[in-house]
Amino acid sequence: MQIEVMSIEDIDLVIPFYIDYYNNYEDCCWTESTAKKRIHQVLTIEDSYSLIMKDDNDIVCGFVMGYFKQYDDILGYMLEEILIAYKYQNKGLGSRLLSALETKVKEVGASCIELQAVNDKMHDRYYGKGGYSDAKNFVMKVKWLE
């Protein structure tokens, strides 16, 4: 496996498994257009930093994307999305990619990684294995507009 910095040129490589995973395993309704826009938005945010993972045959099997956030006293990293193609899941690749991200953002000076996750057992188990816990000092708020 190789892990390298993800660029805008990589978007078309990840769209097929992005759509496949979310539409077939998470009951979403992504199209090529909406997936491309979502990934492009994150990759072009100021201070964006994303990684792409390829197997030994140079086939993309996953990616992680996010950006650095400056606070008054620390630099944080906001993890927007991590995805391993379904056929590569449950092989430790997600943990390996997350660990690589942690190492790289720490080298840049980040003090923490923040993320929002679906509140279910799968996400609790995955992030819990990596040492992530629920924040006690922040609560996600949402207002759905009708």
N, C-alpha and C. Protein backbone atom coordinates (compact mmCIF):
# COMPACT_ATOMS: atom_id res chain seq x y z
N MET A 1 0.84 -1.19 0.00
CA MET A 1 0.00 0.00 0.00
C MET A 1 0.88 1.24 0.00
N GLN A 2 0.42 2.22 -0.73
CA GLN A 2 1.10 3.51 -0.73
C GLN A 2 0.10 4.60 -0.40
N ILE A 3 0.54 5.57 0.37
CA ILE A 3 -0.30 6.69 0.79
C ILE A 3 0.41 7.97 0.36
N GLU A 4 -0.32 8.81 -0.36
CA GLU A 4 0.27 10.07 -0.83
C GLU A 4 -0.76 11.18 -0.73
N VAL A 5 -0.30 12.41 -0.89
CA VAL A 5 -1.19 13.56 -0.82
C VAL A 5 -2.18 13.50 -2.00
N MET A 6 -3.43 13.72 -1.70
CA MET A 6 -4.49 13.69 -2.71
C MET A 6 -4.61 15.07 -3.35
N SER A 7 -4.84 15.07 -4.66
CA SER A 7 -5.00 16.33 -5.39
C SER A 7 -6.33 16.34 -6.14
N ILE A 8 -6.64 17.47 -6.70
CA ILE A 8 -7.87 17.61 -7.48
C ILE A 8 -7.89 16.62 -8.64
N GLU A 9 -6.73 16.32 -9.20
CA GLU A 9 -6.65 15.37 -10.31
C GLU A 9 -7.08 13.96 -9.90
N ASP A 10 -7.12 13.67 -8.61
CA ASP A 10 -7.50 12.35 -8.11
C ASP A 10 -9.01 12.17 -7.94
N ILE A 11 -9.76 13.24 -8.08
CA ILE A 11 -11.21 13.17 -7.82
C ILE A 11 -11.88 12.09 -8.66
N ASP A 12 -11.61 12.06 -9.94
CA ASP A 12 -12.28 11.08 -10.81
C ASP A 12 -11.91 9.64 -10.45
N LEU A 13 -10.78 9.44 -9.78
CA LEU A 13 -10.38 8.09 -9.36
C LEU A 13 -11.20 7.58 -8.18
N VAL A 14 -11.69 8.49 -7.35
CA VAL A 14 -12.40 8.07 -6.14
C VAL A 14 -13.92 8.11 -6.26
N ILE A 15 -14.42 8.85 -7.24
CA ILE A 15 -15.87 8.98 -7.39
C ILE A 15 -16.59 7.63 -7.52
N PRO A 16 -16.12 6.70 -8.34
CA PRO A 16 -16.89 5.45 -8.49
C PRO A 16 -17.09 4.69 -7.18
N PHE A 17 -16.03 4.54 -6.36
CA PHE A 17 -16.25 3.79 -5.12
C PHE A 17 -16.91 4.64 -4.05
N TYR A 18 -16.81 5.95 -4.14
CA TYR A 18 -17.54 6.85 -3.24
C TYR A 18 -19.04 6.64 -3.43
N ILE A 19 -19.48 6.71 -4.69
CA ILE A 19 -20.89 6.53 -5.00
C ILE A 19 -21.34 5.12 -4.66
N ASP A 20 -20.53 4.12 -5.04
CA ASP A 20 -20.88 2.73 -4.75
C ASP A 20 -21.08 2.51 -3.26
N TYR A 21 -20.12 2.94 -2.46
CA TYR A 21 -20.23 2.70 -1.02
C TYR A 21 -21.44 3.40 -0.42
N TYR A 22 -21.53 4.69 -0.61
CA TYR A 22 -22.61 5.43 0.04
C TYR A 22 -23.99 5.05 -0.46
N ASN A 23 -24.13 4.82 -1.76
CA ASN A 23 -25.45 4.48 -2.29
C ASN A 23 -25.85 3.05 -1.98
N ASN A 24 -24.91 2.12 -2.00
CA ASN A 24 -25.25 0.71 -1.80
C ASN A 24 -25.16 0.22 -0.36
N TYR A 25 -24.40 0.91 0.49
CA TYR A 25 -24.21 0.43 1.86
C TYR A 25 -24.66 1.41 2.92
N GLU A 26 -24.92 2.65 2.55
CA GLU A 26 -25.36 3.66 3.52
C GLU A 26 -26.70 4.28 3.11
N ASP A 27 -27.34 3.73 2.07
CA ASP A 27 -28.66 4.18 1.64
C ASP A 27 -28.70 5.66 1.27
N CYS A 28 -27.67 6.14 0.58
CA CYS A 28 -27.61 7.53 0.13
C CYS A 28 -28.01 7.62 -1.34
N CYS A 29 -27.94 8.80 -1.89
CA CYS A 29 -28.36 8.99 -3.29
C CYS A 29 -27.38 9.89 -4.04
N TRP A 30 -26.08 9.62 -3.91
CA TRP A 30 -25.06 10.41 -4.59
C TRP A 30 -25.12 10.17 -6.10
N THR A 31 -24.85 11.25 -6.85
CA THR A 31 -24.67 11.15 -8.30
C THR A 31 -23.21 11.49 -8.58
N GLU A 32 -22.79 11.28 -9.80
CA GLU A 32 -21.42 11.65 -10.15
C GLU A 32 -21.21 13.15 -9.93
N SER A 33 -22.20 13.93 -10.28
CA SER A 33 -22.10 15.39 -10.15
C SER A 33 -22.02 15.83 -8.68
N THR A 34 -22.89 15.29 -7.83
CA THR A 34 -22.87 15.71 -6.42
C THR A 34 -21.63 15.20 -5.70
N ALA A 35 -21.19 13.99 -6.01
CA ALA A 35 -19.98 13.46 -5.39
C ALA A 35 -18.76 14.28 -5.80
N LYS A 36 -18.69 14.61 -7.07
CA LYS A 36 -17.56 15.41 -7.56
C LYS A 36 -17.54 16.78 -6.88
N LYS A 37 -18.71 17.39 -6.75
CA LYS A 37 -18.78 18.70 -6.11
C LYS A 37 -18.36 18.60 -4.64
N ARG A 38 -18.85 17.61 -3.92
CA ARG A 38 -18.52 17.44 -2.50
C ARG A 38 -17.01 17.29 -2.30
N ILE A 39 -16.40 16.40 -3.05
CA ILE A 39 -14.97 16.13 -2.90
C ILE A 39 -14.16 17.36 -3.33
N HIS A 40 -14.57 17.99 -4.42
CA HIS A 40 -13.88 19.20 -4.89
C HIS A 40 -13.95 20.31 -3.84
N GLN A 41 -15.10 20.48 -3.21
CA GLN A 41 -15.25 21.51 -2.18
C GLN A 41 -14.22 21.34 -1.07
N VAL A 42 -14.08 20.12 -0.58
CA VAL A 42 -13.15 19.89 0.53
C VAL A 42 -11.70 20.05 0.07
N LEU A 43 -11.39 19.55 -1.12
CA LEU A 43 -10.01 19.65 -1.61
C LEU A 43 -9.58 21.08 -1.91
N THR A 44 -10.53 21.98 -2.11
CA THR A 44 -10.16 23.36 -2.44
C THR A 44 -10.37 24.33 -1.27
N ILE A 45 -10.75 23.83 -0.12
CA ILE A 45 -10.84 24.68 1.07
C ILE A 45 -9.43 25.17 1.41
N GLU A 46 -9.34 26.40 1.89
CA GLU A 46 -8.05 26.91 2.33
C GLU A 46 -7.47 25.99 3.40
N ASP A 47 -6.20 25.66 3.28
CA ASP A 47 -5.49 24.77 4.20
C ASP A 47 -6.00 23.32 4.15
N SER A 48 -6.58 22.94 3.01
CA SER A 48 -7.01 21.56 2.81
C SER A 48 -5.80 20.63 2.84
N TYR A 49 -6.02 19.44 3.38
CA TYR A 49 -4.96 18.42 3.39
C TYR A 49 -5.65 17.06 3.33
N SER A 50 -5.39 16.32 2.28
CA SER A 50 -6.06 15.04 2.07
C SER A 50 -5.05 14.01 1.58
N LEU A 51 -5.34 12.75 1.86
CA LEU A 51 -4.46 11.65 1.47
C LEU A 51 -5.24 10.63 0.66
N ILE A 52 -4.56 9.98 -0.26
CA ILE A 52 -5.15 8.92 -1.06
C ILE A 52 -4.31 7.66 -0.87
N MET A 53 -4.98 6.51 -0.80
CA MET A 53 -4.31 5.23 -0.59
C MET A 53 -4.49 4.37 -1.84
N LYS A 54 -3.37 3.79 -2.29
CA LYS A 54 -3.40 2.90 -3.47
C LYS A 54 -2.80 1.55 -3.08
N ASP A 55 -3.31 0.50 -3.71
CA ASP A 55 -2.76 -0.83 -3.45
C ASP A 55 -1.47 -1.03 -4.25
N ASP A 56 -0.90 -2.21 -4.16
CA ASP A 56 0.37 -2.50 -4.83
C ASP A 56 0.28 -2.46 -6.36
N ASN A 57 -0.95 -2.50 -6.89
CA ASN A 57 -1.16 -2.41 -8.34
C ASN A 57 -1.54 -0.99 -8.77
N ASP A 58 -1.35 -0.02 -7.87
CA ASP A 58 -1.65 1.38 -8.13
C ASP A 58 -3.15 1.66 -8.28
N ILE A 59 -3.98 0.79 -7.71
CA ILE A 59 -5.43 0.96 -7.72
C ILE A 59 -5.84 1.70 -6.44
N VAL A 60 -6.61 2.76 -6.60
CA VAL A 60 -7.06 3.54 -5.44
C VAL A 60 -8.03 2.70 -4.62
N CYS A 61 -7.77 2.62 -3.32
CA CYS A 61 -8.65 1.84 -2.45
C CYS A 61 -9.24 2.68 -1.32
N GLY A 62 -8.77 3.92 -1.16
CA GLY A 62 -9.34 4.75 -0.11
C GLY A 62 -8.76 6.15 -0.11
N PHE A 63 -9.39 7.00 0.68
CA PHE A 63 -8.89 8.36 0.84
C PHE A 63 -9.43 8.96 2.12
N VAL A 64 -8.76 9.99 2.57
CA VAL A 64 -9.20 10.77 3.72
C VAL A 64 -9.04 12.24 3.35
N MET A 65 -10.00 13.07 3.71
CA MET A 65 -9.89 14.47 3.36
C MET A 65 -10.35 15.36 4.50
N GLY A 66 -9.75 16.52 4.56
CA GLY A 66 -10.08 17.50 5.58
C GLY A 66 -9.23 18.73 5.42
N TYR A 67 -9.14 19.51 6.49
CA TYR A 67 -8.40 20.76 6.42
C TYR A 67 -7.96 21.19 7.81
N PHE A 68 -6.95 22.03 7.83
CA PHE A 68 -6.45 22.59 9.09
C PHE A 68 -7.33 23.76 9.50
N LYS A 69 -7.55 23.89 10.83
CA LYS A 69 -8.34 24.97 11.40
C LYS A 69 -7.50 25.68 12.46
N GLN A 70 -7.37 26.97 12.34
CA GLN A 70 -6.61 27.73 13.32
C GLN A 70 -7.53 28.21 14.43
N TYR A 71 -7.15 27.97 15.67
CA TYR A 71 -7.81 28.53 16.84
C TYR A 71 -6.85 29.52 17.45
N ASP A 72 -7.24 30.19 18.52
CA ASP A 72 -6.36 31.19 19.11
C ASP A 72 -5.06 30.59 19.62
N ASP A 73 -5.14 29.38 20.18
CA ASP A 73 -3.94 28.82 20.80
C ASP A 73 -3.47 27.49 20.21
N ILE A 74 -4.21 26.93 19.30
CA ILE A 74 -3.81 25.65 18.70
C ILE A 74 -4.20 25.59 17.23
N LEU A 75 -3.55 24.70 16.53
CA LEU A 75 -3.93 24.36 15.17
C LEU A 75 -4.61 23.00 15.22
N GLY A 76 -5.81 22.92 14.71
CA GLY A 76 -6.54 21.67 14.66
C GLY A 76 -6.67 21.19 13.23
N TYR A 77 -7.10 19.96 13.08
CA TYR A 77 -7.39 19.40 11.77
C TYR A 77 -8.82 18.89 11.80
N MET A 78 -9.63 19.32 10.84
CA MET A 78 -11.01 18.87 10.73
C MET A 78 -11.08 17.75 9.71
N LEU A 79 -11.30 16.55 10.17
CA LEU A 79 -11.42 15.39 9.28
C LEU A 79 -12.85 15.38 8.74
N GLU A 80 -12.98 15.63 7.48
CA GLU A 80 -14.30 15.69 6.85
C GLU A 80 -14.79 14.32 6.43
N GLU A 81 -13.89 13.49 5.93
CA GLU A 81 -14.34 12.21 5.39
C GLU A 81 -13.18 11.24 5.26
N ILE A 82 -13.46 10.00 5.61
CA ILE A 82 -12.52 8.91 5.35
C ILE A 82 -13.34 7.78 4.75
N LEU A 83 -12.82 7.22 3.67
CA LEU A 83 -13.57 6.16 2.99
C LEU A 83 -12.61 5.13 2.41
N ILE A 84 -12.89 3.89 2.69
CA ILE A 84 -12.18 2.77 2.09
C ILE A 84 -13.19 2.06 1.19
N ALA A 85 -12.80 1.78 -0.05
CA ALA A 85 -13.70 1.08 -0.98
C ALA A 85 -14.18 -0.21 -0.32
N TYR A 86 -15.42 -0.55 -0.55
CA TYR A 86 -16.06 -1.66 0.17
C TYR A 86 -15.26 -2.95 0.09
N LYS A 87 -14.73 -3.29 -1.09
CA LYS A 87 -14.02 -4.56 -1.23
C LYS A 87 -12.70 -4.58 -0.45
N TYR A 88 -12.23 -3.42 0.01
CA TYR A 88 -10.99 -3.34 0.79
C TYR A 88 -11.24 -3.19 2.29
N GLN A 89 -12.51 -3.12 2.69
CA GLN A 89 -12.83 -2.89 4.09
C GLN A 89 -12.56 -4.13 4.94
N ASN A 90 -12.42 -3.90 6.24
CA ASN A 90 -12.17 -4.94 7.24
C ASN A 90 -10.83 -5.65 7.02
N LYS A 91 -9.87 -4.91 6.52
CA LYS A 91 -8.51 -5.43 6.33
C LYS A 91 -7.49 -4.55 7.05
N GLY A 92 -7.97 -3.61 7.86
CA GLY A 92 -7.08 -2.73 8.60
C GLY A 92 -6.62 -1.51 7.82
N LEU A 93 -7.11 -1.34 6.59
CA LEU A 93 -6.64 -0.22 5.77
C LEU A 93 -7.14 1.13 6.27
N GLY A 94 -8.37 1.16 6.77
CA GLY A 94 -8.89 2.42 7.32
C GLY A 94 -8.08 2.87 8.52
N SER A 95 -7.73 1.93 9.38
CA SER A 95 -6.91 2.26 10.55
C SER A 95 -5.53 2.72 10.12
N ARG A 96 -4.99 2.08 9.11
CA ARG A 96 -3.66 2.46 8.60
C ARG A 96 -3.69 3.86 7.99
N LEU A 97 -4.74 4.16 7.24
CA LEU A 97 -4.86 5.48 6.62
C LEU A 97 -5.06 6.55 7.69
N LEU A 98 -5.89 6.27 8.67
CA LEU A 98 -6.13 7.23 9.74
C LEU A 98 -4.84 7.49 10.54
N SER A 99 -4.09 6.45 10.79
CA SER A 99 -2.82 6.60 11.51
C SER A 99 -1.82 7.44 10.70
N ALA A 100 -1.77 7.21 9.40
CA ALA A 100 -0.88 8.00 8.54
C ALA A 100 -1.29 9.48 8.57
N LEU A 101 -2.60 9.73 8.53
CA LEU A 101 -3.09 11.10 8.61
C LEU A 101 -2.67 11.74 9.92
N GLU A 102 -2.86 11.03 11.02
CA GLU A 102 -2.49 11.56 12.34
C GLU A 102 -1.02 11.95 12.38
N THR A 103 -0.17 11.09 11.87
CA THR A 103 1.27 11.36 11.86
C THR A 103 1.58 12.61 11.05
N LYS A 104 0.99 12.71 9.87
CA LYS A 104 1.30 13.82 8.97
C LYS A 104 0.77 15.15 9.50
N VAL A 105 -0.45 15.18 10.05
CA VAL A 105 -0.97 16.47 10.53
C VAL A 105 -0.26 16.90 11.81
N LYS A 106 0.18 15.94 12.60
CA LYS A 106 0.97 16.27 13.80
C LYS A 106 2.30 16.89 13.39
N GLU A 107 2.93 16.36 12.33
CA GLU A 107 4.20 16.91 11.84
C GLU A 107 4.04 18.37 11.41
N VAL A 108 2.87 18.73 10.89
CA VAL A 108 2.60 20.10 10.46
C VAL A 108 2.34 21.01 11.66
N GLY A 109 1.97 20.42 12.78
CA GLY A 109 1.74 21.21 13.98
C GLY A 109 0.35 21.12 14.57
N ALA A 110 -0.50 20.27 14.03
CA ALA A 110 -1.85 20.13 14.58
C ALA A 110 -1.80 19.49 15.97
N SER A 111 -2.63 20.02 16.86
CA SER A 111 -2.72 19.50 18.23
C SER A 111 -3.86 18.51 18.39
N CYS A 112 -4.81 18.52 17.46
CA CYS A 112 -5.96 17.62 17.59
C CYS A 112 -6.55 17.36 16.21
N ILE A 113 -7.35 16.32 16.15
CA ILE A 113 -8.15 16.01 14.97
C ILE A 113 -9.59 16.00 15.43
N GLU A 114 -10.41 16.79 14.75
CA GLU A 114 -11.83 16.85 15.05
C GLU A 114 -12.59 16.17 13.92
N LEU A 115 -13.73 15.59 14.24
CA LEU A 115 -14.57 14.99 13.21
C LEU A 115 -15.99 14.89 13.70
N GLN A 116 -16.88 14.75 12.76
CA GLN A 116 -18.27 14.46 13.05
C GLN A 116 -18.56 13.10 12.44
N ALA A 117 -19.23 12.25 13.19
CA ALA A 117 -19.52 10.91 12.69
C ALA A 117 -20.99 10.57 12.96
N VAL A 118 -21.49 9.67 12.15
CA VAL A 118 -22.82 9.14 12.38
C VAL A 118 -22.82 8.47 13.75
N ASN A 119 -23.87 8.66 14.49
CA ASN A 119 -23.98 8.11 15.84
C ASN A 119 -24.53 6.68 15.77
N ASP A 120 -23.63 5.74 15.46
CA ASP A 120 -24.03 4.33 15.42
C ASP A 120 -22.87 3.46 15.90
N LYS A 121 -23.14 2.17 16.08
CA LYS A 121 -22.14 1.25 16.62
C LYS A 121 -20.93 1.10 15.72
N MET A 122 -21.13 1.06 14.41
CA MET A 122 -20.02 0.88 13.48
C MET A 122 -19.02 2.02 13.60
N HIS A 123 -19.51 3.26 13.60
CA HIS A 123 -18.62 4.41 13.70
C HIS A 123 -17.99 4.51 15.09
N ASP A 124 -18.75 4.20 16.14
CA ASP A 124 -18.18 4.19 17.49
C ASP A 124 -17.04 3.18 17.60
N ARG A 125 -17.24 2.00 17.03
CA ARG A 125 -16.20 0.97 17.09
C ARG A 125 -14.97 1.39 16.29
N TYR A 126 -15.17 1.88 15.08
CA TYR A 126 -14.05 2.27 14.23
C TYR A 126 -13.22 3.38 14.88
N TYR A 127 -13.87 4.46 15.24
CA TYR A 127 -13.13 5.59 15.81
C TYR A 127 -12.63 5.27 17.22
N GLY A 128 -13.38 4.49 17.96
CA GLY A 128 -12.93 4.09 19.30
C GLY A 128 -11.64 3.30 19.25
N LYS A 129 -11.50 2.42 18.24
CA LYS A 129 -10.25 1.66 18.07
C LYS A 129 -9.07 2.59 17.89
N GLY A 130 -9.31 3.73 17.25
CA GLY A 130 -8.23 4.68 16.99
C GLY A 130 -7.99 5.65 18.14
N GLY A 131 -8.75 5.50 19.23
CA GLY A 131 -8.56 6.37 20.38
C GLY A 131 -9.43 7.62 20.38
N TYR A 132 -10.40 7.70 19.47
CA TYR A 132 -11.29 8.85 19.42
C TYR A 132 -12.45 8.64 20.36
N SER A 133 -12.86 9.71 21.03
CA SER A 133 -13.99 9.61 21.96
C SER A 133 -14.93 10.79 21.70
N ASP A 134 -16.12 10.68 22.26
CA ASP A 134 -17.09 11.76 22.12
C ASP A 134 -16.59 12.98 22.89
N ALA A 135 -16.68 14.14 22.26
CA ALA A 135 -16.30 15.39 22.93
C ALA A 135 -17.34 15.69 24.00
N LYS A 136 -16.88 16.08 25.15
CA LYS A 136 -17.80 16.42 26.25
C LYS A 136 -18.11 17.91 26.28
N ASN A 137 -17.29 18.71 25.59
CA ASN A 137 -17.45 20.15 25.66
C ASN A 137 -18.10 20.76 24.42
N PHE A 138 -18.50 19.93 23.45
CA PHE A 138 -19.17 20.43 22.25
C PHE A 138 -20.37 19.53 21.95
N VAL A 139 -21.40 20.14 21.42
CA VAL A 139 -22.58 19.41 20.99
C VAL A 139 -22.93 19.88 19.59
N MET A 140 -23.16 18.94 18.71
CA MET A 140 -23.57 19.29 17.34
C MET A 140 -25.02 19.78 17.39
N LYS A 141 -25.25 20.89 16.78
CA LYS A 141 -26.60 21.46 16.69
C LYS A 141 -27.01 21.49 15.23
N VAL A 142 -28.29 21.29 14.98
CA VAL A 142 -28.77 21.34 13.60
C VAL A 142 -30.22 21.86 13.62
N LYS A 143 -30.54 22.59 12.59
CA LYS A 143 -31.92 23.00 12.35
C LYS A 143 -32.23 22.61 10.93
N TRP A 144 -33.18 21.73 10.74
CA TRP A 144 -33.57 21.30 9.41
C TRP A 144 -34.58 22.31 8.86
N LEU A 145 -34.29 22.84 7.71
CA LEU A 145 -35.14 23.85 7.09
C LEU A 145 -36.16 23.18 6.19
N GLU A 146 -37.39 23.53 6.38
CA GLU A 146 -38.46 22.91 5.59
C GLU A 146 -38.88 23.76 4.44
